[in-house]
Amino acid sequence: MSADCLFCKIAAKKIPAKIVYEDPGLFAFEDISPQAPTHILICPRKHFESLNEATTDHQAVLGKLQLVAAQLARERNLVEGYRTVINNGGGAGQSVFHLHLHLLGGRHFRWPPG
């Protein structure tokens, strides 16, 4: 954990959030500024800033982020589709520097994004 990281504080229950999934390696919560009717952030408990810091040691957790996203999408009946996004760095829109995956659904998405 990082003492000054917002998401680490949410994981430690020092800051309230609407948690929708937890296991020993991951936690997920609803975004406070949703960009779609469903907007969930899925985070590894182990702090690392972005994909730039990911190593082969992170393979399992990176795969599990996607599997949990699919599980949460099924639970929310996102049958028309959903999007998963990892913003990597400030230029890509990352604003909290704790790696996290966005699960977005419940509306039509266009391509290309942003």
Protein backbone atom coordinates (compact mmCIF):
# COMPACT_ATOMS: atom_id res chain seq x y z
CA MET A 1 0.00 0.00 0.00
CA SER A 2 0.96 3.57 -0.56
CA ALA A 3 0.16 5.90 2.34
CA ASP A 4 -0.90 8.80 0.11
CA CYS A 5 -2.85 6.81 -2.53
CA LEU A 6 -6.61 7.39 -2.71
CA PHE A 7 -7.32 3.85 -3.92
CA CYS A 8 -5.09 2.27 -1.25
CA LYS A 9 -7.09 4.23 1.34
CA ILE A 10 -10.35 2.91 -0.18
CA ALA A 11 -8.97 -0.64 -0.06
CA ALA A 12 -8.07 -0.14 3.61
CA LYS A 13 -11.58 1.25 4.29
CA LYS A 14 -10.13 4.58 5.41
CA ILE A 15 -12.19 6.37 2.75
CA PRO A 16 -15.78 5.30 2.04
CA ALA A 17 -16.74 3.89 -1.34
CA LYS A 18 -19.53 1.73 -2.70
CA ILE A 19 -17.60 -1.54 -2.87
CA VAL A 20 -19.15 -4.03 -5.32
CA TYR A 21 -16.49 -6.76 -5.28
CA GLU A 22 -13.65 -7.83 -2.99
CA ASP A 23 -11.24 -10.73 -2.78
CA PRO A 24 -7.72 -11.04 -1.37
CA GLY A 25 -6.11 -9.61 -4.52
CA LEU A 26 -8.67 -7.17 -5.95
CA PHE A 27 -11.41 -4.76 -4.99
CA ALA A 28 -13.96 -2.92 -7.10
CA PHE A 29 -16.13 0.07 -6.44
CA GLU A 30 -18.50 2.43 -8.23
CA ASP A 31 -16.89 5.52 -9.74
CA ILE A 32 -17.96 8.76 -8.02
CA SER A 33 -18.02 10.54 -11.39
CA PRO A 34 -19.57 7.93 -13.69
CA GLN A 35 -19.13 8.26 -17.45
CA ALA A 36 -21.81 5.61 -18.14
CA PRO A 37 -24.78 4.14 -16.25
CA THR A 38 -22.40 1.40 -15.07
CA HIS A 39 -18.93 2.68 -14.22
CA ILE A 40 -16.92 0.50 -11.88
CA LEU A 41 -13.23 0.75 -11.03
CA ILE A 42 -11.45 -2.56 -10.46
CA CYS A 43 -8.11 -2.33 -8.65
CA PRO A 44 -5.37 -4.64 -7.48
CA ARG A 45 -4.79 -4.39 -3.74
CA LYS A 46 -1.05 -4.30 -4.34
CA HIS A 47 -0.11 -0.75 -5.27
CA PHE A 48 1.60 -0.08 -8.56
CA GLU A 49 1.04 3.07 -10.55
CA SER A 50 0.41 1.90 -14.09
CA LEU A 51 1.09 -0.71 -16.74
CA ASN A 52 4.53 0.86 -17.08
CA GLU A 53 5.42 -0.74 -13.74
CA ALA A 54 3.83 -4.11 -14.50
CA THR A 55 6.11 -7.13 -14.71
CA THR A 56 5.59 -10.82 -15.33
CA ASP A 57 4.85 -11.05 -11.60
CA HIS A 58 1.62 -9.12 -12.32
CA GLN A 59 0.30 -11.44 -15.07
CA ALA A 60 -2.25 -13.18 -12.88
CA VAL A 61 -3.68 -10.00 -11.37
CA LEU A 62 -3.87 -8.28 -14.78
CA GLY A 63 -5.83 -11.22 -16.18
CA LYS A 64 -8.06 -11.33 -13.13
CA LEU A 65 -8.96 -7.65 -13.61
CA GLN A 66 -10.59 -8.61 -16.93
CA LEU A 67 -12.28 -11.71 -15.52
CA VAL A 68 -13.78 -9.74 -12.64
CA ALA A 69 -14.96 -7.10 -15.12
CA ALA A 70 -16.74 -9.81 -17.13
CA GLN A 71 -18.30 -11.21 -13.94
CA LEU A 72 -19.55 -7.78 -12.85
CA ALA A 73 -20.88 -7.11 -16.38
CA ARG A 74 -22.86 -10.38 -16.28
CA GLU A 75 -24.21 -9.53 -12.82
CA ARG A 76 -25.41 -6.16 -14.16
CA ASN A 77 -26.91 -7.72 -17.27
CA LEU A 78 -24.82 -5.66 -19.68
CA VAL A 79 -25.98 -7.86 -22.58
CA GLU A 80 -25.67 -5.11 -25.22
CA GLY A 81 -21.98 -4.81 -24.49
CA TYR A 82 -19.52 -3.06 -22.24
CA ARG A 83 -16.06 -1.57 -22.40
CA THR A 84 -12.98 -2.15 -20.24
CA VAL A 85 -10.31 0.53 -20.19
CA ILE A 86 -6.96 1.02 -18.49
CA ASN A 87 -5.71 4.60 -18.80
CA ASN A 88 -1.93 4.55 -18.62
CA GLY A 89 -0.38 7.89 -17.68
CA GLY A 90 -1.68 11.42 -17.44
CA GLY A 91 -1.75 11.91 -21.21
CA ALA A 92 -4.20 9.01 -21.48
CA GLY A 93 -6.47 10.36 -18.75
CA GLN A 94 -5.14 8.52 -15.71
CA SER A 95 -5.85 10.73 -12.72
CA VAL A 96 -5.24 8.33 -9.82
CA PHE A 97 -1.86 6.68 -10.07
CA HIS A 98 -2.82 3.25 -8.79
CA LEU A 99 -3.42 0.87 -11.68
CA HIS A 100 -7.14 0.31 -12.21
CA LEU A 101 -9.50 -0.96 -14.86
CA HIS A 102 -12.69 0.89 -15.77
CA LEU A 103 -15.78 -1.21 -16.51
CA LEU A 104 -18.24 0.93 -18.48
CA GLY A 105 -21.65 -0.15 -19.71
CA GLY A 106 -25.31 0.64 -20.01
CA ARG A 107 -25.05 3.00 -22.99
CA HIS A 108 -23.87 2.95 -26.58
CA PHE A 109 -20.16 3.60 -27.13
CA ARG A 110 -18.64 5.00 -30.31
CA TRP A 111 -15.34 4.19 -31.94
CA PRO A 112 -12.74 5.52 -31.79
CA PRO A 113 -12.98 6.62 -28.16
CA GLY A 114 -11.78 10.01 -26.92
